[in-house]
Amino acid sequence: MAKPGHSWSRAPAGKEEEEEEGEDPLDARIARTGCLEQHRELQECMEQHRDWRHCQTELRAFGACMARREQRE
């Protein structure tokens, strides 16, 4: 079962809540890439629209960020 941090119906956790529940491992991995902001924007768009076709700008921004990271390594 997926961790609640990646459910579209849940708002991003505040700092206090993260400390209590622990950090989502996937969020931690994405944060290390430097693309966490783009990932969160994509999550917010998906929560709002519930259809990835409406989130192409955010999806491309996240993909481009991850691609830049791949090139640096």
PDB file of N, CA and C in Angstrom:
ATOM      1  N   MET A   1       0.839  -1.186   0.000  1.00  0.00           N
ATOM      2  CA  MET A   1       0.000   0.000   0.000  1.00  0.00           C
ATOM      3  C   MET A   1       0.879   1.243   0.000  1.00  0.00           C
ATOM      4  N   ALA A   2       0.495   2.249  -0.751  1.00  0.00           N
ATOM      5  CA  ALA A   2       1.285   3.469  -0.877  1.00  0.00           C
ATOM      6  C   ALA A   2       1.279   4.256   0.416  1.00  0.00           C
ATOM      7  N   LYS A   3       2.360   4.957   0.643  1.00  0.00           N
ATOM      8  CA  LYS A   3       2.455   5.832   1.814  1.00  0.00           C
ATOM      9  C   LYS A   3       1.490   6.993   1.640  1.00  0.00           C
ATOM     10  N   PRO A   4       0.903   7.509   2.719  1.00  0.00           N
ATOM     11  CA  PRO A   4      -0.067   8.588   2.602  1.00  0.00           C
ATOM     12  C   PRO A   4       0.515   9.881   2.053  1.00  0.00           C
ATOM     13  N   GLY A   5       1.811  10.072   2.074  1.00  0.00           N
ATOM     14  CA  GLY A   5       2.429  11.288   1.564  1.00  0.00           C
ATOM     15  C   GLY A   5       2.277  11.457   0.066  1.00  0.00           C
ATOM     16  N   HIS A   6       1.892  10.390  -0.634  1.00  0.00           N
ATOM     17  CA  HIS A   6       1.741  10.481  -2.075  1.00  0.00           C
ATOM     18  C   HIS A   6       0.309  10.252  -2.526  1.00  0.00           C
ATOM     19  N   SER A   7      -0.600  10.534  -1.650  1.00  0.00           N
ATOM     20  CA  SER A   7      -2.015  10.459  -1.991  1.00  0.00           C
ATOM     21  C   SER A   7      -2.444  11.831  -2.490  1.00  0.00           C
ATOM     22  N   TRP A   8      -3.132  11.870  -3.600  1.00  0.00           N
ATOM     23  CA  TRP A   8      -3.538  13.158  -4.165  1.00  0.00           C
ATOM     24  C   TRP A   8      -4.504  13.895  -3.272  1.00  0.00           C
ATOM     25  N   SER A   9      -5.225  13.185  -2.433  1.00  0.00           N
ATOM     26  CA  SER A   9      -6.234  13.832  -1.601  1.00  0.00           C
ATOM     27  C   SER A   9      -5.669  14.429  -0.331  1.00  0.00           C
ATOM     28  N   ARG A  10      -4.396  14.258  -0.091  1.00  0.00           N
ATOM     29  CA  ARG A  10      -3.798  14.753   1.140  1.00  0.00           C
ATOM     30  C   ARG A  10      -2.910  15.944   0.848  1.00  0.00           C
ATOM     31  N   ALA A  11      -3.074  16.974   1.641  1.00  0.00           N
ATOM     32  CA  ALA A  11      -2.246  18.171   1.495  1.00  0.00           C
ATOM     33  C   ALA A  11      -0.832  17.845   1.960  1.00  0.00           C
ATOM     34  N   PRO A  12       0.201  18.556   1.439  1.00  0.00           N
ATOM     35  CA  PRO A  12       1.563  18.320   1.895  1.00  0.00           C
ATOM     36  C   PRO A  12       1.677  18.505   3.401  1.00  0.00           C
ATOM     37  N   ALA A  13       2.452  17.638   4.014  1.00  0.00           N
ATOM     38  CA  ALA A  13       2.604  17.677   5.468  1.00  0.00           C
ATOM     39  C   ALA A  13       3.412  18.890   5.896  1.00  0.00           C
ATOM     40  N   GLY A  14       3.028  19.450   7.029  1.00  0.00           N
ATOM     41  CA  GLY A  14       3.791  20.543   7.620  1.00  0.00           C
ATOM     42  C   GLY A  14       5.011  19.978   8.314  1.00  0.00           C
ATOM     43  N   LYS A  15       5.932  20.845   8.700  1.00  0.00           N
ATOM     44  CA  LYS A  15       7.168  20.395   9.320  1.00  0.00           C
ATOM     45  C   LYS A  15       6.912  19.605  10.593  1.00  0.00           C
ATOM     46  N   GLU A  16       5.991  20.081  11.430  1.00  0.00           N
ATOM     47  CA  GLU A  16       5.692  19.387  12.686  1.00  0.00           C
ATOM     48  C   GLU A  16       5.127  18.000  12.410  1.00  0.00           C
ATOM     49  N   GLU A  17       4.258  17.890  11.438  1.00  0.00           N
ATOM     50  CA  GLU A  17       3.647  16.602  11.110  1.00  0.00           C
ATOM     51  C   GLU A  17       4.692  15.639  10.568  1.00  0.00           C
ATOM     52  N   GLU A  18       5.629  16.133   9.750  1.00  0.00           N
ATOM     53  CA  GLU A  18       6.680  15.276   9.210  1.00  0.00           C
ATOM     54  C   GLU A  18       7.544  14.709  10.320  1.00  0.00           C
ATOM     55  N   GLU A  19       7.843  15.537  11.325  1.00  0.00           N
ATOM     56  CA  GLU A  19       8.668  15.067  12.423  1.00  0.00           C
ATOM     57  C   GLU A  19       7.953  13.976  13.207  1.00  0.00           C
ATOM     58  N   GLU A  20       6.648  14.106  13.367  1.00  0.00           N
ATOM     59  CA  GLU A  20       5.882  13.117  14.110  1.00  0.00           C
ATOM     60  C   GLU A  20       5.776  11.807  13.338  1.00  0.00           C
ATOM     61  N   GLU A  21       5.460  11.871  12.067  1.00  0.00           N
ATOM     62  CA  GLU A  21       5.218  10.675  11.268  1.00  0.00           C
ATOM     63  C   GLU A  21       6.483  10.161  10.591  1.00  0.00           C
ATOM     64  N   GLY A  22       7.501  10.954  10.510  1.00  0.00           N
ATOM     65  CA  GLY A  22       8.691  10.583   9.762  1.00  0.00           C
ATOM     66  C   GLY A  22       8.535  11.004   8.318  1.00  0.00           C
ATOM     67  N   GLU A  23       9.653  11.191   7.660  1.00  0.00           N
ATOM     68  CA  GLU A  23       9.632  11.660   6.281  1.00  0.00           C
ATOM     69  C   GLU A  23       9.335  10.504   5.335  1.00  0.00           C
ATOM     70  N   ASP A  24       8.548  10.790   4.333  1.00  0.00           N
ATOM     71  CA  ASP A  24       8.230   9.805   3.299  1.00  0.00           C
ATOM     72  C   ASP A  24       9.532   9.477   2.558  1.00  0.00           C
ATOM     73  N   PRO A  25       9.881   8.205   2.429  1.00  0.00           N
ATOM     74  CA  PRO A  25      11.141   7.840   1.759  1.00  0.00           C
ATOM     75  C   PRO A  25      11.224   8.336   0.315  1.00  0.00           C
ATOM     76  N   LEU A  26      10.111   8.325  -0.405  1.00  0.00           N
ATOM     77  CA  LEU A  26      10.131   8.804  -1.783  1.00  0.00           C
ATOM     78  C   LEU A  26      10.383  10.307  -1.827  1.00  0.00           C
ATOM     79  N   ASP A  27       9.745  11.064  -0.937  1.00  0.00           N
ATOM     80  CA  ASP A  27      10.005  12.503  -0.871  1.00  0.00           C
ATOM     81  C   ASP A  27      11.466  12.771  -0.551  1.00  0.00           C
ATOM     82  N   ALA A  28      12.042  11.985   0.340  1.00  0.00           N
ATOM     83  CA  ALA A  28      13.455  12.154   0.698  1.00  0.00           C
ATOM     84  C   ALA A  28      14.348  11.910  -0.514  1.00  0.00           C
ATOM     85  N   ARG A  29      14.042  10.875  -1.293  1.00  0.00           N
ATOM     86  CA  ARG A  29      14.843  10.592  -2.492  1.00  0.00           C
ATOM     87  C   ARG A  29      14.716  11.708  -3.516  1.00  0.00           C
ATOM     88  N   ILE A  30      13.501  12.205  -3.715  1.00  0.00           N
ATOM     89  CA  ILE A  30      13.293  13.288  -4.682  1.00  0.00           C
ATOM     90  C   ILE A  30      13.967  14.563  -4.199  1.00  0.00           C
ATOM     91  N   ALA A  31      13.922  14.825  -2.902  1.00  0.00           N
ATOM     92  CA  ALA A  31      14.577  16.017  -2.349  1.00  0.00           C
ATOM     93  C   ALA A  31      16.069  15.997  -2.657  1.00  0.00           C
ATOM     94  N   ARG A  32      16.691  14.838  -2.601  1.00  0.00           N
ATOM     95  CA  ARG A  32      18.124  14.732  -2.888  1.00  0.00           C
ATOM     96  C   ARG A  32      18.436  15.029  -4.353  1.00  0.00           C
ATOM     97  N   THR A  33      17.458  14.934  -5.231  1.00  0.00           N
ATOM     98  CA  THR A  33      17.695  15.231  -6.645  1.00  0.00           C
ATOM     99  C   THR A  33      17.692  16.734  -6.912  1.00  0.00           C
ATOM    100  N   GLY A  34      17.105  17.505  -5.990  1.00  0.00           N
ATOM    101  CA  GLY A  34      16.964  18.938  -6.211  1.00  0.00           C
ATOM    102  C   GLY A  34      15.688  19.282  -6.973  1.00  0.00           C
ATOM    103  N   CYS A  35      14.802  18.316  -7.157  1.00  0.00           N
ATOM    104  CA  CYS A  35      13.584  18.512  -7.944  1.00  0.00           C
ATOM    105  C   CYS A  35      12.314  18.439  -7.090  1.00  0.00           C
ATOM    106  N   LEU A  36      12.445  18.615  -5.794  1.00  0.00           N
ATOM    107  CA  LEU A  36      11.301  18.472  -4.903  1.00  0.00           C
ATOM    108  C   LEU A  36      10.222  19.520  -5.183  1.00  0.00           C
ATOM    109  N   GLU A  37      10.608  20.736  -5.471  1.00  0.00           N
ATOM    110  CA  GLU A  37       9.618  21.785  -5.752  1.00  0.00           C
ATOM    111  C   GLU A  37       8.782  21.435  -6.981  1.00  0.00           C
ATOM    112  N   GLN A  38       9.429  20.969  -8.042  1.00  0.00           N
ATOM    113  CA  GLN A  38       8.702  20.580  -9.251  1.00  0.00           C
ATOM    114  C   GLN A  38       7.791  19.386  -8.973  1.00  0.00           C
ATOM    115  N   HIS A  39       8.259  18.469  -8.156  1.00  0.00           N
ATOM    116  CA  HIS A  39       7.459  17.300  -7.803  1.00  0.00           C
ATOM    117  C   HIS A  39       6.216  17.724  -7.027  1.00  0.00           C
ATOM    118  N   ARG A  40       6.382  18.632  -6.087  1.00  0.00           N
ATOM    119  CA  ARG A  40       5.232  19.092  -5.297  1.00  0.00           C
ATOM    120  C   ARG A  40       4.236  19.856  -6.154  1.00  0.00           C
ATOM    121  N   GLU A  41       4.733  20.655  -7.100  1.00  0.00           N
ATOM    122  CA  GLU A  41       3.828  21.368  -8.006  1.00  0.00           C
ATOM    123  C   GLU A  41       3.028  20.373  -8.846  1.00  0.00           C
ATOM    124  N   LEU A  42       3.670  19.314  -9.284  1.00  0.00           N
ATOM    125  CA  LEU A  42       2.983  18.269 -10.046  1.00  0.00           C
ATOM    126  C   LEU A  42       1.935  17.584  -9.173  1.00  0.00           C
ATOM    127  N   GLN A  43       2.277  17.277  -7.931  1.00  0.00           N
ATOM    128  CA  GLN A  43       1.316  16.662  -7.014  1.00  0.00           C
ATOM    129  C   GLN A  43       0.105  17.565  -6.790  1.00  0.00           C
ATOM    130  N   GLU A  44       0.358  18.861  -6.603  1.00  0.00           N
ATOM    131  CA  GLU A  44      -0.743  19.808  -6.383  1.00  0.00           C
ATOM    132  C   GLU A  44      -1.658  19.870  -7.603  1.00  0.00           C
ATOM    133  N   CYS A  45      -1.068  19.879  -8.788  1.00  0.00           N
ATOM    134  CA  CYS A  45      -1.865  19.902 -10.013  1.00  0.00           C
ATOM    135  C   CYS A  45      -2.716  18.634 -10.120  1.00  0.00           C
ATOM    136  N   MET A  46      -2.109  17.494  -9.834  1.00  0.00           N
ATOM    137  CA  MET A  46      -2.848  16.233  -9.901  1.00  0.00           C
ATOM    138  C   MET A  46      -3.968  16.197  -8.862  1.00  0.00           C
ATOM    139  N   GLU A  47      -3.726  16.760  -7.698  1.00  0.00           N
ATOM    140  CA  GLU A  47      -4.771  16.803  -6.676  1.00  0.00           C
ATOM    141  C   GLU A  47      -5.935  17.683  -7.138  1.00  0.00           C
ATOM    142  N   GLN A  48      -5.600  18.780  -7.773  1.00  0.00           N
ATOM    143  CA  GLN A  48      -6.628  19.716  -8.224  1.00  0.00           C
ATOM    144  C   GLN A  48      -7.432  19.156  -9.393  1.00  0.00           C
ATOM    145  N   HIS A  49      -6.749  18.596 -10.386  1.00  0.00           N
ATOM    146  CA  HIS A  49      -7.414  18.195 -11.636  1.00  0.00           C
ATOM    147  C   HIS A  49      -7.782  16.714 -11.716  1.00  0.00           C
ATOM    148  N   ARG A  50      -7.048  15.891 -10.984  1.00  0.00           N
ATOM    149  CA  ARG A  50      -7.272  14.438 -11.013  1.00  0.00           C
ATOM    150  C   ARG A  50      -7.136  13.856 -12.423  1.00  0.00           C
ATOM    151  N   ASP A  51      -6.344  14.513 -13.254  1.00  0.00           N
ATOM    152  CA  ASP A  51      -6.146  14.049 -14.630  1.00  0.00           C
ATOM    153  C   ASP A  51      -4.787  14.565 -15.108  1.00  0.00           C
ATOM    154  N   TRP A  52      -3.864  13.653 -15.342  1.00  0.00           N
ATOM    155  CA  TRP A  52      -2.509  14.045 -15.711  1.00  0.00           C
ATOM    156  C   TRP A  52      -2.455  14.864 -16.990  1.00  0.00           C
ATOM    157  N   ARG A  53      -3.457  14.742 -17.839  1.00  0.00           N
ATOM    158  CA  ARG A  53      -3.456  15.505 -19.095  1.00  0.00           C
ATOM    159  C   ARG A  53      -3.548  17.001 -18.851  1.00  0.00           C
ATOM    160  N   HIS A  54      -4.066  17.406 -17.703  1.00  0.00           N
ATOM    161  CA  HIS A  54      -4.166  18.829 -17.363  1.00  0.00           C
ATOM    162  C   HIS A  54      -2.904  19.339 -16.680  1.00  0.00           C
ATOM    163  N   CYS A  55      -1.942  18.473 -16.469  1.00  0.00           N
ATOM    164  CA  CYS A  55      -0.730  18.832 -15.720  1.00  0.00           C
ATOM    165  C   CYS A  55       0.526  18.689 -16.572  1.00  0.00           C
ATOM    166  N   GLN A  56       0.406  18.869 -17.866  1.00  0.00           N
ATOM    167  CA  GLN A  56       1.544  18.668 -18.760  1.00  0.00           C
ATOM    168  C   GLN A  56       2.689  19.636 -18.483  1.00  0.00           C
ATOM    169  N   THR A  57       2.385  20.881 -18.157  1.00  0.00           N
ATOM    170  CA  THR A  57       3.443  21.857 -17.864  1.00  0.00           C
ATOM    171  C   THR A  57       4.253  21.404 -16.660  1.00  0.00           C
ATOM    172  N   GLU A  58       3.562  21.003 -15.591  1.00  0.00           N
ATOM    173  CA  GLU A  58       4.227  20.556 -14.372  1.00  0.00           C
ATOM    174  C   GLU A  58       4.984  19.250 -14.604  1.00  0.00           C
ATOM    175  N   LEU A  59       4.391  18.356 -15.388  1.00  0.00           N
ATOM    176  CA  LEU A  59       5.029  17.085 -15.689  1.00  0.00           C
ATOM    177  C   LEU A  59       6.321  17.300 -16.471  1.00  0.00           C
ATOM    178  N   ARG A  60       6.277  18.180 -17.449  1.00  0.00           N
ATOM    179  CA  ARG A  60       7.489  18.481 -18.243  1.00  0.00           C
ATOM    180  C   ARG A  60       8.558  19.147 -17.395  1.00  0.00           C
ATOM    181  N   ALA A  61       8.159  20.048 -16.503  1.00  0.00           N
ATOM    182  CA  ALA A  61       9.130  20.728 -15.633  1.00  0.00           C
ATOM    183  C   ALA A  61       9.821  19.720 -14.717  1.00  0.00           C
ATOM    184  N   PHE A  62       9.062  18.797 -14.146  1.00  0.00           N
ATOM    185  CA  PHE A  62       9.642  17.780 -13.286  1.00  0.00           C
ATOM    186  C   PHE A  62      10.559  16.860 -14.087  1.00  0.00           C
ATOM    187  N   GLY A  63      10.114  16.450 -15.263  1.00  0.00           N
ATOM    188  CA  GLY A  63      10.934  15.596 -16.117  1.00  0.00           C
ATOM    189  C   GLY A  63      12.227  16.273 -16.536  1.00  0.00           C
ATOM    190  N   ALA A  64      12.151  17.557 -16.862  1.00  0.00           N
ATOM    191  CA  ALA A  64      13.349  18.298 -17.272  1.00  0.00           C
ATOM    192  C   ALA A  64      14.324  18.422 -16.105  1.00  0.00           C
ATOM    193  N   CYS A  65      13.808  18.663 -14.922  1.00  0.00           N
ATOM    194  CA  CYS A  65      14.663  18.758 -13.741  1.00  0.00           C
ATOM    195  C   CYS A  65      15.381  17.435 -13.498  1.00  0.00           C
ATOM    196  N   MET A  66      14.643  16.344 -13.583  1.00  0.00           N
ATOM    197  CA  MET A  66      15.250  15.028 -13.372  1.00  0.00           C
ATOM    198  C   MET A  66      16.274  14.721 -14.469  1.00  0.00           C
ATOM    199  N   ALA A  67      16.001  15.130 -15.694  1.00  0.00           N
ATOM    200  CA  ALA A  67      16.939  14.907 -16.796  1.00  0.00           C
ATOM    201  C   ALA A  67      18.227  15.698 -16.573  1.00  0.00           C
ATOM    202  N   ARG A  68      18.107  16.943 -16.099  1.00  0.00           N
ATOM    203  CA  ARG A  68      19.303  17.746 -15.796  1.00  0.00           C
ATOM    204  C   ARG A  68      20.135  17.065 -14.713  1.00  0.00           C
ATOM    205  N   ARG A  69      19.463  16.495 -13.736  1.00  0.00           N
ATOM    206  CA  ARG A  69      20.173  15.783 -12.663  1.00  0.00           C
ATOM    207  C   ARG A  69      20.936  14.583 -13.228  1.00  0.00           C
ATOM    208  N   GLU A  70      20.286  13.849 -14.116  1.00  0.00           N
ATOM    209  CA  GLU A  70      20.923  12.686 -14.736  1.00  0.00           C
ATOM    210  C   GLU A  70      22.182  13.101 -15.505  1.00  0.00           C
ATOM    211  N   GLN A  71      22.117  14.235 -16.191  1.00  0.00           N
ATOM    212  CA  GLN A  71      23.264  14.704 -16.975  1.00  0.00           C
ATOM    213  C   GLN A  71      24.427  15.097 -16.087  1.00  0.00           C
ATOM    214  N   ARG A  72      24.124  15.603 -14.878  1.00  0.00           N
ATOM    215  CA  ARG A  72      25.192  16.017 -13.960  1.00  0.00           C
ATOM    216  C   ARG A  72      25.935  14.829 -13.393  1.00  0.00           C
ATOM    217  N   GLU A  73      25.296  13.687 -13.336  1.00  0.00           N
ATOM    218  CA  GLU A  73      25.938  12.507 -12.730  1.00  0.00           C
ATOM    219  C   GLU A  73      26.730  11.715 -13.720  1.00  0.00           C
TER     220      GLU A  73
END
